[in-house]
Amino acid sequence: MNTLTSPSRVRELLERYGLHADRRLGQNFLVDAGLLNLIVRTAAPAPGQAVWEVGPGLGTLTRALAARGARVTAIEKDTRLRPLLEETLAGLEVDLRFQDALEFDWGSVPAGSLFVSNLPYNVATPLLSELLRAGRFGRLVVLLQKEVAERLAAGPGSPAYGLLSLRAAHHARVRKVRDFPPQAFFPRPNVTSTLVELEHRGVADDPELFRLIEAGFAQRRKTLRKNLEQAGWPRERVLAALGNLGLDPRVRAEELDVTAFAALKEALG
């Protein structure tokens, strides 16, 4: 039994080491054993498989993954947690690294690796974008703020649809597994979380495509044509490209899916 899912045990550990959850780092520790098991079942690491984790916190998920025989590399930014993690992860096959995950070289990870994490809220969006771009993970099983999960899975026309949605659609198949209520964490966050599975489709990054997408979403209230003109594309070329694709000159970026943006990139030349 993973005793780190006991709120009283978590409180005792933090107090013993003179620690507290740092909201600036998005620290909310999972204390629901059933939901912890759901994450591990969804990830389903094979014995001996390399698994990468960001924000191990107290080592709750790390221990559960290691118990399944996974070889876990856990990246933690908060060096205050070093002595606590050395206690909770003692005797387990875990490579614990203290560094900023946003500065880590994810391109160095072996291809086809598995990523499993209760992601700190404050790094979820930029980190996921980087992990998808790097293309080193065959699957990513991540616990996220529900709002971020909605953006990942959103389709054209949805208020949540945007850059992250298109990044996810370009690289992966997205599946929302289940919502986790605030009481599943200590301390309790003010938001619901969602467990998401992303299966990478092996599609490489396309910087030119995403420069176009970023320009198109520069100001959501403006038409795609105006945004692209302001980004430097000649008006005549933009109008011609939209016309060739049968798109209304008044179309907005949030109406186009990733396939349409790729076609627009080619039409613009």
Protein backbone atom coordinates (compact mmCIF):
# COMPACT_ATOMS: atom_id res chain seq x y z
CA MET A 1 0.00 0.00 0.00
CA ASN A 2 1.30 3.47 -0.92
CA THR A 3 1.01 5.23 2.45
CA LEU A 4 1.75 8.55 0.74
CA THR A 5 -1.91 8.67 -0.28
CA SER A 6 -2.85 9.24 3.37
CA PRO A 7 -3.42 12.97 3.99
CA SER A 8 -2.21 12.58 7.59
CA ARG A 9 1.00 10.89 6.36
CA VAL A 10 1.58 13.70 3.84
CA ARG A 11 1.03 16.33 6.52
CA GLU A 12 3.39 14.51 8.90
CA LEU A 13 6.13 14.23 6.25
CA LEU A 14 5.92 17.90 5.32
CA GLU A 15 5.96 19.01 8.95
CA ARG A 16 8.88 16.73 9.81
CA TYR A 17 11.00 18.27 7.08
CA GLY A 18 9.75 21.78 7.73
CA LEU A 19 8.11 22.00 4.33
CA HIS A 20 4.89 23.24 2.81
CA ALA A 21 3.32 22.96 -0.64
CA ASP A 22 4.53 25.86 -2.77
CA ARG A 23 1.64 27.23 -4.83
CA ARG A 24 4.09 29.17 -7.01
CA LEU A 25 5.40 25.79 -8.18
CA GLY A 26 1.89 24.39 -8.64
CA GLN A 27 2.35 21.79 -5.91
CA ASN A 28 -0.78 19.81 -5.07
CA PHE A 29 -0.03 16.26 -3.87
CA LEU A 30 -2.34 13.41 -4.89
CA VAL A 31 -3.80 11.65 -1.82
CA ASP A 32 -6.44 9.38 -3.38
CA ALA A 33 -5.22 5.78 -3.68
CA GLY A 34 -7.94 4.76 -6.13
CA LEU A 35 -7.14 7.60 -8.51
CA LEU A 36 -3.42 6.96 -8.15
CA ASN A 37 -4.06 3.38 -9.26
CA LEU A 38 -6.07 4.69 -12.22
CA ILE A 39 -3.07 6.70 -13.42
CA VAL A 40 -0.81 3.65 -13.16
CA ARG A 41 -3.34 1.39 -14.91
CA THR A 42 -3.74 3.91 -17.72
CA ALA A 43 0.03 4.22 -18.13
CA ALA A 44 0.50 0.42 -17.86
CA PRO A 45 4.32 0.48 -17.83
CA ALA A 46 5.99 -2.79 -18.72
CA PRO A 47 8.57 -4.24 -16.31
CA GLY A 48 11.91 -2.60 -17.01
CA GLN A 49 10.39 0.12 -19.19
CA ALA A 50 11.90 3.61 -18.99
CA VAL A 51 9.36 6.08 -17.62
CA TRP A 52 9.89 9.82 -17.26
CA GLU A 53 8.13 11.97 -14.69
CA VAL A 54 8.14 15.71 -13.96
CA GLY A 55 7.24 17.06 -10.54
CA PRO A 56 7.38 13.90 -8.40
CA GLY A 57 6.54 15.98 -5.32
CA LEU A 58 6.61 13.53 -2.41
CA GLY A 59 7.25 10.52 -4.66
CA THR A 60 3.69 9.15 -4.55
CA LEU A 61 3.30 8.38 -8.26
CA THR A 62 7.03 7.62 -8.58
CA ARG A 63 6.75 4.83 -6.00
CA ALA A 64 3.65 3.37 -7.67
CA LEU A 65 5.36 3.28 -11.08
CA ALA A 66 8.53 1.75 -9.64
CA ALA A 67 6.42 -0.88 -7.89
CA ARG A 68 5.24 -1.98 -11.35
CA GLY A 69 8.87 -2.52 -12.35
CA ALA A 70 9.32 0.70 -14.31
CA ARG A 71 12.73 2.43 -14.38
CA VAL A 72 11.68 5.94 -13.47
CA THR A 73 13.58 9.15 -14.17
CA ALA A 74 11.98 11.85 -12.05
CA ILE A 75 12.75 15.53 -12.61
CA GLU A 76 12.05 17.89 -9.71
CA LYS A 77 12.71 21.63 -9.60
CA ASP A 78 12.19 22.11 -5.85
CA THR A 79 15.50 21.23 -4.16
CA ARG A 80 13.82 21.59 -0.73
CA LEU A 81 12.31 18.15 -1.41
CA ARG A 82 15.66 16.35 -1.79
CA PRO A 83 15.90 14.84 1.76
CA LEU A 84 12.21 13.91 1.78
CA LEU A 85 12.42 12.19 -1.62
CA GLU A 86 15.58 10.37 -0.60
CA GLU A 87 13.50 8.87 2.21
CA THR A 88 10.34 8.04 0.25
CA LEU A 89 12.20 6.63 -2.76
CA ALA A 90 14.89 4.73 -0.84
CA GLY A 91 15.64 1.31 -2.34
CA LEU A 92 13.70 1.95 -5.55
CA GLU A 93 15.10 2.04 -9.08
CA VAL A 94 14.59 5.79 -9.56
CA ASP A 95 16.93 8.31 -11.17
CA LEU A 96 16.12 11.53 -9.30
CA ARG A 97 17.27 14.72 -10.99
CA PHE A 98 16.93 18.21 -9.56
CA GLN A 99 16.55 20.64 -12.41
CA ASP A 100 14.02 22.73 -14.30
CA ALA A 101 12.04 20.53 -16.69
CA LEU A 102 11.59 23.47 -19.06
CA GLU A 103 15.36 23.59 -19.51
CA PHE A 104 15.88 19.84 -19.87
CA ASP A 105 17.05 18.44 -23.23
CA TRP A 106 14.02 16.29 -24.07
CA GLY A 107 15.54 15.44 -27.44
CA SER A 108 18.04 13.25 -25.57
CA VAL A 109 15.31 10.88 -24.32
CA PRO A 110 15.21 7.47 -26.10
CA ALA A 111 12.53 7.31 -28.79
CA GLY A 112 9.29 5.61 -27.81
CA SER A 113 9.65 6.36 -24.09
CA LEU A 114 6.68 6.70 -21.73
CA PHE A 115 5.89 9.93 -19.89
CA VAL A 116 3.68 9.79 -16.78
CA SER A 117 3.16 12.76 -14.50
CA ASN A 118 0.93 14.75 -12.20
CA LEU A 119 2.11 17.94 -13.87
CA PRO A 120 2.55 21.10 -11.82
CA TYR A 121 -0.11 23.53 -13.02
CA ASN A 122 2.36 26.33 -13.71
CA VAL A 123 4.40 24.42 -16.34
CA ALA A 124 1.78 22.16 -17.93
CA THR A 125 1.15 24.11 -21.15
CA PRO A 126 4.71 25.01 -22.18
CA LEU A 127 6.07 21.63 -21.09
CA LEU A 128 3.47 19.62 -22.99
CA SER A 129 4.12 21.68 -26.11
CA GLU A 130 7.83 20.94 -25.80
CA LEU A 131 7.28 17.22 -25.15
CA LEU A 132 5.05 16.92 -28.22
CA ARG A 133 7.56 18.83 -30.35
CA ALA A 134 10.44 16.64 -29.17
CA GLY A 135 8.59 13.51 -30.32
CA ARG A 136 10.50 11.16 -28.01
CA PHE A 137 7.48 9.79 -26.14
CA GLY A 138 5.21 7.17 -27.67
CA ARG A 139 2.58 7.94 -25.01
CA LEU A 140 2.06 10.64 -22.41
CA VAL A 141 -0.28 10.08 -19.46
CA VAL A 142 -0.68 13.37 -17.64
CA LEU A 143 -2.82 14.80 -14.87
CA LEU A 144 -3.65 18.40 -15.72
CA GLN A 145 -5.80 21.31 -14.71
CA LYS A 146 -9.18 20.63 -16.39
CA GLU A 147 -8.99 23.87 -18.35
CA VAL A 148 -5.71 22.75 -19.96
CA ALA A 149 -7.17 19.32 -20.75
CA GLU A 150 -10.14 21.00 -22.46
CA ARG A 151 -7.76 23.08 -24.58
CA LEU A 152 -5.80 19.95 -25.54
CA ALA A 153 -8.90 18.15 -26.76
CA ALA A 154 -10.81 21.12 -28.23
CA GLY A 155 -11.90 21.22 -31.87
CA PRO A 156 -12.41 24.13 -34.27
CA GLY A 157 -15.09 26.60 -33.22
CA SER A 158 -14.78 25.83 -29.52
CA PRO A 159 -13.90 28.68 -27.13
CA ALA A 160 -11.08 26.47 -25.76
CA TYR A 161 -9.60 25.90 -29.24
CA GLY A 162 -6.22 27.46 -29.88
CA LEU A 163 -2.49 26.90 -30.25
CA LEU A 164 -2.31 24.02 -27.75
CA SER A 165 -5.25 22.26 -29.44
CA LEU A 166 -3.53 22.47 -32.81
CA ARG A 167 -0.19 21.36 -31.38
CA ALA A 168 -1.89 18.30 -29.86
CA ALA A 169 -3.87 17.55 -33.04
CA HIS A 170 -0.73 17.77 -35.18
CA HIS A 171 1.24 15.29 -33.08
CA ALA A 172 -1.13 13.04 -31.14
CA ARG A 173 -4.45 11.37 -30.49
CA VAL A 174 -5.94 12.83 -27.31
CA ARG A 175 -8.15 10.95 -24.86
CA LYS A 176 -9.60 12.43 -21.69
CA VAL A 177 -9.75 9.61 -19.16
CA ARG A 178 -11.40 11.05 -16.04
CA ASP A 179 -11.79 14.17 -13.92
CA PHE A 180 -10.16 14.27 -10.48
CA PRO A 181 -11.97 16.36 -7.82
CA PRO A 182 -10.12 18.91 -5.65
CA GLN A 183 -10.44 16.67 -2.57
CA ALA A 184 -8.13 14.13 -4.26
CA PHE A 185 -5.21 16.46 -3.50
CA PHE A 186 -3.43 17.99 -0.52
CA PRO A 187 -3.63 20.90 -0.28
CA ARG A 188 -6.89 21.12 -2.17
CA PRO A 189 -6.64 23.20 -5.36
CA ASN A 190 -9.45 25.52 -6.41
CA VAL A 191 -9.92 23.65 -9.68
CA THR A 192 -10.79 20.21 -11.00
CA SER A 193 -8.05 18.18 -12.68
CA THR A 194 -8.31 15.78 -15.62
CA LEU A 195 -6.28 12.69 -16.51
CA VAL A 196 -5.37 12.75 -20.21
CA GLU A 197 -3.66 10.18 -22.43
CA LEU A 198 -1.84 11.36 -25.56
CA GLU A 199 -0.67 8.80 -28.09
CA HIS A 200 2.01 10.34 -30.29
CA ARG A 201 1.44 9.67 -33.99
CA GLY A 202 5.10 10.05 -34.90
CA VAL A 203 4.52 13.31 -36.78
CA ALA A 204 7.55 15.59 -36.65
CA ASP A 205 7.50 19.23 -35.66
CA ASP A 206 6.76 21.74 -38.45
CA PRO A 207 8.11 25.12 -37.31
CA GLU A 208 6.89 26.91 -40.44
CA LEU A 209 3.36 25.61 -39.93
CA PHE A 210 3.28 26.73 -36.32
CA ARG A 211 4.67 30.17 -37.16
CA LEU A 212 1.66 30.51 -39.43
CA ILE A 213 -0.73 29.23 -36.75
CA GLU A 214 0.72 31.57 -34.10
CA ALA A 215 0.33 34.51 -36.46
CA GLY A 216 -3.26 33.50 -37.22
CA PHE A 217 -4.16 33.47 -33.52
CA ALA A 218 -2.29 36.69 -32.66
CA GLN A 219 -5.58 38.50 -32.05
CA ARG A 220 -8.56 36.15 -31.86
CA ARG A 221 -11.12 38.87 -32.55
CA LYS A 222 -9.52 39.70 -35.89
CA THR A 223 -9.92 37.75 -39.10
CA LEU A 224 -7.21 35.36 -40.16
CA ARG A 225 -6.48 37.62 -43.14
CA LYS A 226 -5.83 40.67 -40.97
CA ASN A 227 -3.64 38.75 -38.56
CA LEU A 228 -1.54 37.33 -41.39
CA GLU A 229 -1.22 40.75 -43.03
CA GLN A 230 -0.02 42.24 -39.74
CA ALA A 231 2.52 39.42 -39.49
CA GLY A 232 3.98 40.42 -42.87
CA TRP A 233 2.18 38.33 -45.50
CA PRO A 234 1.10 40.47 -48.50
CA ARG A 235 -2.65 40.99 -48.64
CA GLU A 236 -2.94 39.82 -52.26
CA ARG A 237 -1.14 36.56 -51.48
CA VAL A 238 -3.33 35.89 -48.43
CA LEU A 239 -6.55 36.57 -50.35
CA ALA A 240 -5.41 34.36 -53.21
CA ALA A 241 -4.49 31.51 -50.85
CA LEU A 242 -7.82 31.72 -49.02
CA GLY A 243 -9.67 31.80 -52.35
CA ASN A 244 -7.77 28.76 -53.66
CA LEU A 245 -8.86 26.83 -50.57
CA GLY A 246 -12.46 28.00 -50.81
CA LEU A 247 -12.23 29.92 -47.53
CA ASP A 248 -14.17 33.10 -46.82
CA PRO A 249 -11.86 36.15 -46.50
CA ARG A 250 -13.60 36.81 -43.17
CA VAL A 251 -12.65 33.43 -41.71
CA ARG A 252 -11.03 33.40 -38.27
CA ALA A 253 -8.17 31.16 -37.17
CA GLU A 254 -10.33 29.22 -34.70
CA GLU A 255 -12.45 27.92 -37.61
CA LEU A 256 -9.55 26.01 -39.21
CA ASP A 257 -8.28 22.58 -38.20
CA VAL A 258 -4.63 21.57 -38.48
CA THR A 259 -5.15 20.06 -41.95
CA ALA A 260 -6.60 23.34 -43.21
CA PHE A 261 -3.67 25.29 -41.76
CA ALA A 262 -1.23 22.92 -43.47
CA ALA A 263 -3.04 23.48 -46.78
CA LEU A 264 -2.93 27.24 -46.19
CA LYS A 265 0.83 27.06 -45.57
CA GLU A 266 1.30 25.38 -48.96
CA ALA A 267 -1.07 27.81 -50.69
CA LEU A 268 0.84 30.79 -49.35
CA GLY A 269 4.02 29.40 -50.88
